[in-house]
């Protein structure tokens, strides 16, 4: 029955019209086998069949990336730490992946942008649909900058539905090699992302918080259940990975040689 519906849909669909719609929305489409499709995402069992991308960043850089998620209602502590960790990761040339939701997600994207680093937003709706609308300045910035991109598994024009966000979360964790949870209440959607990351064999990190803060209940429980590793610095995150990332200013200068000097 499913195959029959698919064949019927394919016969009634004009690929040229779909391509024209993509061009109109300034969106690139990367099917699962495409070289531009993030390699980490191919490893998860329910990877999107197609990834739609707006922005100029080459998604191949996401081989070594870290996701940051958290509550939509962070405390001042959560806001500060989201920016701090994203800035320091960006300064180490590590792309920051998040969901452009209000709260920790937004602070994480802005932190990476302010540090001049790379950041990618995984959206709940189509790649041309900014949600929430209050994040329009952030969305526009990420579409314009060469170090940013927004991605979605939905075709341009797809409006946001509530059920799309839990589905979106598996992409945030699937694209990355590690996931950091900044602040999360007991019922936070960030805990769904953390469980998905754990199921996908990704490293999960959590920032400890005050025991009397509702926004730290989820992160503290992740740590106590050994689902996440307690971290207090970016160095603790990067120490878990085999790839070496250094600050730009620590790179040795390359001296250009000529003639006998080169010999």
Protein backbone atom coordinates (compact mmCIF):
# COMPACT_ATOMS: atom_id res chain seq x y z
CA UNK A 1 0.00 0.00 0.00
CA UNK A 2 2.83 2.39 0.90
CA UNK A 3 4.72 1.55 -2.29
CA UNK A 4 1.55 2.07 -4.32
CA UNK A 5 1.01 5.52 -2.80
CA UNK A 6 4.63 6.41 -3.46
CA UNK A 7 4.45 5.38 -7.13
CA UNK A 8 1.21 7.32 -7.58
CA UNK A 9 2.76 10.42 -6.00
CA UNK A 10 5.87 10.12 -8.14
CA UNK A 11 3.80 9.92 -11.32
CA UNK A 12 1.88 13.05 -10.37
CA UNK A 13 4.95 15.07 -9.39
CA UNK A 14 7.13 17.10 -11.73
CA UNK A 15 10.77 17.10 -10.49
CA UNK A 16 11.49 20.23 -12.51
CA UNK A 17 8.83 22.12 -10.52
CA UNK A 18 10.35 20.95 -7.24
CA UNK A 19 13.81 22.11 -8.36
CA UNK A 20 12.32 25.47 -9.37
CA UNK A 21 10.75 25.82 -5.92
CA UNK A 22 14.10 25.05 -4.29
CA UNK A 23 15.83 27.70 -6.38
CA UNK A 24 13.09 30.20 -5.56
CA UNK A 25 13.60 29.50 -1.85
CA UNK A 26 17.40 29.74 -2.25
CA UNK A 27 17.68 26.21 -0.83
CA UNK A 28 20.00 23.30 -1.62
CA UNK A 29 18.77 19.71 -1.38
CA UNK A 30 21.10 16.92 -0.26
CA UNK A 31 19.63 13.42 -0.67
CA UNK A 32 21.01 10.71 1.61
CA UNK A 33 23.71 9.49 -0.89
CA UNK A 34 24.85 13.02 -1.83
CA UNK A 35 28.48 13.96 -0.93
CA UNK A 36 27.15 17.11 0.75
CA UNK A 37 24.99 15.11 3.18
CA UNK A 38 26.60 15.17 6.66
CA UNK A 39 28.48 11.90 7.15
CA UNK A 40 27.64 11.64 10.88
CA UNK A 41 23.92 11.86 10.11
CA UNK A 42 24.12 8.83 7.83
CA UNK A 43 25.04 6.71 10.87
CA UNK A 44 21.70 7.05 12.67
CA UNK A 45 18.98 4.51 11.98
CA UNK A 46 16.27 7.04 11.02
CA UNK A 47 18.33 9.55 9.03
CA UNK A 48 16.32 11.99 6.87
CA UNK A 49 15.99 10.92 3.24
CA UNK A 50 16.79 14.48 2.16
CA UNK A 51 18.34 17.44 3.98
CA UNK A 52 17.36 20.94 2.83
CA UNK A 53 19.93 23.66 3.46
CA UNK A 54 19.94 27.46 3.40
CA UNK A 55 23.17 29.35 3.99
CA UNK A 56 26.74 29.26 2.77
CA UNK A 57 28.51 26.89 5.16
CA UNK A 58 29.75 23.59 3.70
CA UNK A 59 28.19 20.88 5.87
CA UNK A 60 31.27 18.66 5.51
CA UNK A 61 32.80 20.66 8.41
CA UNK A 62 30.23 19.07 10.72
CA UNK A 63 32.27 15.86 10.93
CA UNK A 64 33.74 17.34 14.12
CA UNK A 65 31.00 19.37 15.77
CA UNK A 66 29.27 19.75 19.13
CA UNK A 67 25.58 20.33 19.76
CA UNK A 68 24.31 22.64 22.50
CA UNK A 69 20.72 22.44 23.73
CA UNK A 70 18.77 23.58 26.75
CA UNK A 71 15.61 25.09 28.11
CA UNK A 72 13.64 27.83 26.39
CA UNK A 73 13.56 29.69 29.72
CA UNK A 74 17.17 29.76 30.92
CA UNK A 75 18.29 31.54 34.05
CA UNK A 76 20.99 34.20 33.80
CA UNK A 77 23.44 31.39 34.63
CA UNK A 78 22.20 29.34 31.67
CA UNK A 79 22.33 32.31 29.30
CA UNK A 80 25.88 33.15 30.33
CA UNK A 81 27.13 29.58 30.08
CA UNK A 82 25.46 28.93 26.71
CA UNK A 83 27.29 31.90 25.23
CA UNK A 84 30.53 31.09 27.00
CA UNK A 85 30.71 27.48 25.82
CA UNK A 86 29.64 28.28 22.26
CA UNK A 87 32.16 31.12 21.99
CA UNK A 88 34.99 28.93 23.24
CA UNK A 89 34.06 26.05 20.94
CA UNK A 90 33.85 28.45 17.98
CA UNK A 91 37.25 29.90 18.90
CA UNK A 92 38.64 26.34 18.64
CA UNK A 93 37.13 25.96 15.13
CA UNK A 94 34.46 23.56 16.39
CA UNK A 95 31.05 24.12 14.73
CA UNK A 96 28.16 24.60 17.17
CA UNK A 97 24.85 22.92 16.27
CA UNK A 98 21.55 23.83 17.91
CA UNK A 99 17.85 24.26 17.13
CA UNK A 100 17.32 28.04 16.99
CA UNK A 101 14.63 27.78 19.65
CA UNK A 102 14.16 30.64 22.06
CA UNK A 103 16.48 30.41 25.05
CA UNK A 104 19.68 28.34 25.27
CA UNK A 105 19.62 27.52 21.53
CA UNK A 106 19.58 31.18 20.53
CA UNK A 107 22.30 32.18 22.97
CA UNK A 108 24.45 29.33 21.64
CA UNK A 109 24.10 30.46 18.03
CA UNK A 110 24.81 34.09 18.92
CA UNK A 111 27.86 33.11 20.94
CA UNK A 112 29.39 31.26 17.98
CA UNK A 113 28.57 34.13 15.62
CA UNK A 114 30.09 36.74 17.95
CA UNK A 115 33.26 34.65 18.13
CA UNK A 116 33.43 34.53 14.32
CA UNK A 117 32.93 30.76 14.36
CA UNK A 118 30.72 28.23 12.63
CA UNK A 119 27.18 27.39 13.68
CA UNK A 120 24.27 25.43 12.20
CA UNK A 121 20.58 25.53 13.15
CA UNK A 122 18.32 22.51 12.66
CA UNK A 123 14.79 23.82 12.17
CA UNK A 124 11.47 22.24 13.07
CA UNK A 125 9.69 23.42 9.90
CA UNK A 126 10.89 24.13 6.38
CA UNK A 127 14.31 25.78 5.90
CA UNK A 128 12.61 29.00 4.78
CA UNK A 129 10.41 29.21 7.88
CA UNK A 130 11.82 31.05 10.90
CA UNK A 131 10.35 29.88 14.19
CA UNK A 132 9.92 31.58 16.54
CA UNK A 133 9.42 34.76 14.53
CA UNK A 134 11.30 36.74 17.20
CA UNK A 135 14.46 34.98 16.02
CA UNK A 136 14.22 36.54 12.55
CA UNK A 137 17.39 38.67 13.05
CA UNK A 138 19.30 35.52 14.04
CA UNK A 139 17.84 33.56 11.12
CA UNK A 140 18.77 36.28 8.61
CA UNK A 141 22.29 36.48 10.00
CA UNK A 142 22.77 32.71 9.72
CA UNK A 143 21.55 32.64 6.12
CA UNK A 144 23.87 35.48 5.11
CA UNK A 145 27.14 34.65 6.91
CA UNK A 146 29.64 32.29 5.21
CA UNK A 147 30.18 30.48 8.53
CA UNK A 148 26.53 29.55 9.12
CA UNK A 149 23.65 27.50 7.72
CA UNK A 150 20.13 26.41 8.58
CA UNK A 151 18.98 22.87 7.75
CA UNK A 152 15.72 20.94 7.79
CA UNK A 153 14.35 17.59 6.68
CA UNK A 154 11.22 19.34 5.35
CA UNK A 155 10.68 20.88 1.93
CA UNK A 156 10.54 24.70 1.75
CA UNK A 157 7.13 26.04 2.60
CA UNK A 158 6.43 23.43 5.29
CA UNK A 159 4.86 25.11 8.32
CA UNK A 160 5.86 24.19 11.86
CA UNK A 161 3.89 21.56 13.81
CA UNK A 162 4.50 20.62 17.45
CA UNK A 163 5.36 16.99 16.66
CA UNK A 164 8.21 18.14 14.39
CA UNK A 165 10.40 19.32 17.26
CA UNK A 166 11.07 15.92 18.91
CA UNK A 167 11.79 14.56 15.41
CA UNK A 168 14.09 17.51 14.73
CA UNK A 169 16.08 16.78 17.89
CA UNK A 170 17.43 13.47 16.53
CA UNK A 171 19.09 15.47 13.71
CA UNK A 172 20.80 17.86 16.13
CA UNK A 173 22.36 14.94 17.99
CA UNK A 174 22.89 12.86 14.83
CA UNK A 175 24.92 15.53 13.02
CA UNK A 176 27.27 16.06 15.96
CA UNK A 177 29.85 13.96 17.78
CA UNK A 178 28.88 15.26 21.20
CA UNK A 179 25.94 17.02 22.83
CA UNK A 180 26.08 19.52 25.68
CA UNK A 181 22.95 20.19 27.77
CA UNK A 182 23.19 23.58 29.48
CA UNK A 183 19.97 23.80 31.50
CA UNK A 184 16.87 21.59 31.38
CA UNK A 185 13.78 21.29 33.52
CA UNK A 186 12.25 17.93 34.40
CA UNK A 187 10.09 17.85 31.25
CA UNK A 188 12.42 19.74 28.92
CA UNK A 189 12.63 18.71 25.27
CA UNK A 190 16.39 18.90 25.68
CA UNK A 191 16.22 15.67 27.68
CA UNK A 192 14.68 14.00 24.61
CA UNK A 193 17.66 15.19 22.58
CA UNK A 194 20.04 13.88 25.25
CA UNK A 195 18.39 10.43 25.22
CA UNK A 196 18.51 10.35 21.43
CA UNK A 197 22.19 11.30 21.49
CA UNK A 198 22.85 8.54 24.03
CA UNK A 199 20.97 6.02 21.81
CA UNK A 200 22.99 7.19 18.80
CA UNK A 201 26.25 6.47 20.68
CA UNK A 202 27.10 10.15 20.89
CA UNK A 203 28.92 11.58 23.89
CA UNK A 204 26.56 13.51 26.16
CA UNK A 205 27.75 16.29 28.48
CA UNK A 206 25.79 18.28 31.06
CA UNK A 207 26.43 21.41 33.02
CA UNK A 208 25.69 20.97 36.74
CA UNK A 209 23.35 23.45 38.36
CA UNK A 210 21.95 24.48 41.72
CA UNK A 211 19.93 21.76 43.42
CA UNK A 212 17.14 24.25 44.16
CA UNK A 213 16.86 25.51 40.57
CA UNK A 214 13.99 23.98 38.51
CA UNK A 215 16.04 24.58 35.36
CA UNK A 216 18.83 22.33 36.65
CA UNK A 217 16.72 19.32 37.61
CA UNK A 218 17.09 17.68 34.20
CA UNK A 219 20.82 18.24 33.81
CA UNK A 220 21.58 17.07 37.35
CA UNK A 221 19.53 13.91 36.76
CA UNK A 222 21.40 13.21 33.51
CA UNK A 223 24.65 13.38 35.46
CA UNK A 224 23.45 11.25 38.38
CA UNK A 225 22.12 8.58 35.97
CA UNK A 226 25.51 8.47 34.17
CA UNK A 227 23.75 9.40 30.93
CA UNK A 228 25.88 12.53 30.72
CA UNK A 229 29.34 13.49 31.83
CA UNK A 230 29.63 16.47 34.17
CA UNK A 231 31.66 19.27 32.56
CA UNK A 232 32.66 22.75 33.64
CA UNK A 233 34.90 23.75 30.74
CA UNK A 234 35.28 23.33 26.98
CA UNK A 235 38.61 21.58 27.52
CA UNK A 236 36.79 18.74 29.30
CA UNK A 237 34.59 18.27 26.24
CA UNK A 238 37.39 18.36 23.67
CA UNK A 239 39.52 15.99 25.75
CA UNK A 240 36.98 13.24 24.98
CA UNK A 241 37.62 13.37 21.23
CA UNK A 242 40.51 11.99 19.22
CA UNK A 243 40.70 14.97 16.90
CA UNK A 244 42.95 17.83 17.96
CA UNK A 245 41.63 21.35 17.86
CA UNK A 246 43.84 24.34 18.59
CA UNK A 247 43.28 28.04 18.86
CA UNK A 248 44.02 29.96 15.70
CA UNK A 249 46.62 32.13 17.38
CA UNK A 250 48.60 29.07 18.49
CA UNK A 251 49.23 27.84 14.95
CA UNK A 252 52.89 28.06 13.90
CA UNK A 253 53.72 30.57 11.22
CA UNK A 254 54.58 29.11 7.81
CA UNK A 255 57.80 30.58 6.45
CA UNK A 256 57.99 30.81 2.66
CA UNK A 257 61.35 29.67 1.29
CA UNK A 258 62.96 30.21 -2.11
CA UNK A 259 65.73 28.62 -4.19
CA UNK A 260 68.57 27.08 -2.13
CA UNK A 261 66.67 27.86 1.09
CA UNK A 262 63.88 25.53 -0.06
CA UNK A 263 66.43 22.79 -0.92
